[in-house]
Protein backbone atom coordinates (compact mmCIF):
# COMPACT_ATOMS: atom_id res chain seq x y z
CA UNK A 1 -30.25 -46.35 7.56
CA UNK A 2 -29.64 -42.83 8.84
CA UNK A 3 -25.77 -43.40 8.76
CA UNK A 4 -26.12 -44.57 5.06
CA UNK A 5 -28.09 -41.44 4.12
CA UNK A 6 -25.54 -39.30 5.88
CA UNK A 7 -22.64 -41.02 4.20
CA UNK A 8 -24.39 -40.63 0.78
CA UNK A 9 -24.92 -36.82 1.36
CA UNK A 10 -21.24 -36.52 2.39
CA UNK A 11 -20.15 -38.40 -0.76
CA UNK A 12 -22.41 -36.15 -2.94
CA UNK A 13 -20.96 -32.94 -1.46
CA UNK A 14 -17.44 -34.20 -1.80
CA UNK A 15 -17.99 -35.20 -5.37
CA UNK A 16 -19.59 -31.89 -6.18
CA UNK A 17 -16.55 -30.09 -4.50
CA UNK A 18 -14.18 -32.14 -6.40
CA UNK A 19 -15.90 -31.60 -9.65
CA UNK A 20 -15.99 -27.92 -9.06
CA UNK A 21 -12.30 -27.64 -8.05
CA UNK A 22 -11.16 -29.59 -10.94
CA UNK A 23 -13.14 -27.94 -13.67
CA UNK A 24 -11.53 -25.54 -16.06
CA UNK A 25 -11.26 -22.10 -14.88
CA UNK A 26 -13.60 -19.52 -16.36
CA UNK A 27 -12.11 -18.32 -19.69
CA UNK A 28 -11.33 -14.63 -19.67
CA UNK A 29 -11.91 -12.81 -22.95
CA UNK A 30 -8.59 -12.26 -24.72
CA UNK A 31 -7.30 -9.10 -26.47
CA UNK A 32 -6.15 -5.64 -25.65
CA UNK A 33 -9.65 -4.12 -25.68
CA UNK A 34 -10.55 -5.99 -22.45
CA UNK A 35 -7.27 -5.08 -20.67
CA UNK A 36 -7.61 -1.41 -21.78
CA UNK A 37 -11.31 -1.19 -20.47
CA UNK A 38 -9.87 -2.49 -17.10
CA UNK A 39 -6.94 0.01 -17.09
CA UNK A 40 -8.48 3.31 -17.94
CA UNK A 41 -10.88 5.24 -15.99
CA UNK A 42 -14.44 5.82 -17.20
CA UNK A 43 -15.31 9.35 -18.23
CA UNK A 44 -18.90 8.53 -17.25
CA UNK A 45 -18.50 7.06 -13.82
CA UNK A 46 -16.05 8.97 -11.58
CA UNK A 47 -13.77 6.72 -9.61
CA UNK A 48 -14.46 3.54 -11.62
CA UNK A 49 -12.66 1.92 -14.46
CA UNK A 50 -14.42 1.66 -17.85
CA UNK A 51 -15.03 -2.12 -17.28
CA UNK A 52 -16.80 -1.49 -13.84
CA UNK A 53 -18.91 1.45 -15.09
CA UNK A 54 -22.67 0.38 -15.50
CA UNK A 55 -23.72 3.28 -17.65
CA UNK A 56 -24.94 2.82 -21.25
CA UNK A 57 -22.29 5.30 -22.55
CA UNK A 58 -19.64 3.09 -21.00
CA UNK A 59 -21.10 0.04 -22.82
CA UNK A 60 -20.91 1.89 -26.07
CA UNK A 61 -17.29 2.89 -25.33
CA UNK A 62 -16.28 -0.69 -24.39
CA UNK A 63 -18.00 -2.01 -27.69
CA UNK A 64 -16.03 0.73 -29.65
CA UNK A 65 -12.81 -0.55 -28.10
CA UNK A 66 -13.73 -4.13 -29.17
CA UNK A 67 -14.47 -2.90 -32.70
CA UNK A 68 -11.28 -1.01 -32.83
CA UNK A 69 -9.30 -4.08 -31.91
CA UNK A 70 -11.20 -6.34 -34.49
CA UNK A 71 -10.46 -3.69 -37.04
CA UNK A 72 -6.74 -4.26 -36.49
CA UNK A 73 -5.93 -0.92 -34.92
CA UNK A 74 -2.91 -0.66 -32.42
CA UNK A 75 -3.61 -0.25 -28.85
CA UNK A 76 -1.33 2.83 -28.52
CA UNK A 77 -3.20 4.57 -31.32
CA UNK A 78 -6.62 3.86 -29.61
CA UNK A 79 -5.26 5.03 -26.26
CA UNK A 80 -3.93 8.29 -27.86
CA UNK A 81 -7.37 8.80 -29.40
CA UNK A 82 -9.15 8.27 -26.07
CA UNK A 83 -6.78 10.63 -24.23
CA UNK A 84 -7.38 13.27 -27.13
CA UNK A 85 -11.10 12.77 -26.81
CA UNK A 86 -11.53 12.64 -23.03
CA UNK A 87 -8.32 14.14 -21.87
CA UNK A 88 -5.98 12.98 -18.88
CA UNK A 89 -9.26 12.09 -16.85
CA UNK A 90 -9.23 8.55 -18.23
CA UNK A 91 -5.73 7.78 -17.13
CA UNK A 92 -5.65 5.76 -13.87
CA UNK A 93 -2.36 7.32 -12.90
CA UNK A 94 -0.96 10.78 -14.06
CA UNK A 95 1.67 11.12 -16.72
CA UNK A 96 5.21 11.48 -15.14
CA UNK A 97 5.71 14.78 -16.85
CA UNK A 98 4.91 18.31 -16.03
CA UNK A 99 2.66 18.88 -12.97
CA UNK A 100 1.86 15.10 -12.94
CA UNK A 101 5.42 14.45 -11.97
CA UNK A 102 4.72 15.90 -8.55
CA UNK A 103 2.35 12.86 -8.03
CA UNK A 104 5.51 10.73 -8.10
CA UNK A 105 8.01 12.99 -6.47
CA UNK A 106 6.11 14.41 -3.54
CA UNK A 107 5.55 11.12 -1.79
CA UNK A 108 9.16 10.12 -2.24
CA UNK A 109 10.25 13.46 -0.78
CA UNK A 110 7.81 13.22 2.10
CA UNK A 111 9.09 9.78 2.88
CA UNK A 112 12.79 10.92 2.85
CA UNK A 113 12.09 13.96 5.11
CA UNK A 114 10.11 11.72 7.56
CA UNK A 115 13.19 9.44 7.69
CA UNK A 116 15.57 12.32 8.33
CA UNK A 117 13.10 13.60 11.05
CA UNK A 118 12.92 10.08 12.74
CA UNK A 119 16.70 9.85 12.65
CA UNK A 120 17.19 13.24 14.27
CA UNK A 121 14.63 12.63 17.04
CA UNK A 122 16.12 9.02 17.69
CA UNK A 123 19.66 10.48 17.81
CA UNK A 124 18.64 13.21 20.22
CA UNK A 125 16.79 10.77 22.57
CA UNK A 126 19.58 8.08 22.45
CA UNK A 127 22.43 10.46 22.83
CA UNK A 128 24.71 9.53 25.82
CA UNK A 129 24.86 12.53 28.25
CA UNK A 130 27.43 12.90 31.04
CA UNK A 131 25.96 12.06 34.39
CA UNK A 132 26.00 14.85 37.01
CA UNK A 133 28.41 14.38 39.98
CA UNK A 134 26.72 12.69 42.83
CA UNK A 135 28.76 13.81 45.69
CA UNK A 136 30.67 17.05 46.10
CA UNK A 137 34.33 16.77 47.34
CA UNK A 138 34.78 18.89 50.47
CA UNK A 139 36.85 21.99 49.88
CA UNK A 140 38.37 21.68 53.50
CA UNK A 141 39.35 18.67 55.33
CA UNK A 142 36.94 17.47 58.18
CA UNK A 143 37.53 18.33 61.72
CA UNK A 144 39.56 15.61 63.36
CA UNK A 145 36.99 15.21 66.07
CA UNK A 146 34.09 14.84 63.73
CA UNK A 147 36.16 12.37 61.59
CA UNK A 148 36.78 10.20 64.73
CA UNK A 149 33.03 10.24 65.52
CA UNK A 150 32.18 9.16 62.04
CA UNK A 151 34.66 6.30 62.24
CA UNK A 152 33.24 5.05 65.61
CA UNK A 153 29.69 5.05 64.23
CA UNK A 154 30.80 3.12 61.09
CA UNK A 155 32.61 0.61 63.36
CA UNK A 156 29.45 -0.33 65.29
């Protein structure tokens, strides 16, 4: 009886998992207003996108975007109006012009300079250096008696 109950529970869990896995995914709202709200920064919640901002002003701005889309306005026009109204603060990334261009060029230049520095350091540490002479050649020949003694010692 206990085994039957455990089997029924396992079958119920498996069926629930199967139904959840095969059900249609949640439908996301369509249209550029929702995309734009996810792509621009909120002027009311610093560091958050407009879609993530919980403030009532952000709700109003999101609804304004939806109304503008429903009215048939072009996304580029609405974006330009938002930038005019709130400034570059709402852009998630700076424009690649003027001072904003530095945000794109500085990381590239730092990366290249770091690569050059690593290359110079590696080249310096891996450079082949001539080995110093181990033994010094005698400037004068050895005494014949001393040479004979060394030969005797080596022979032993």
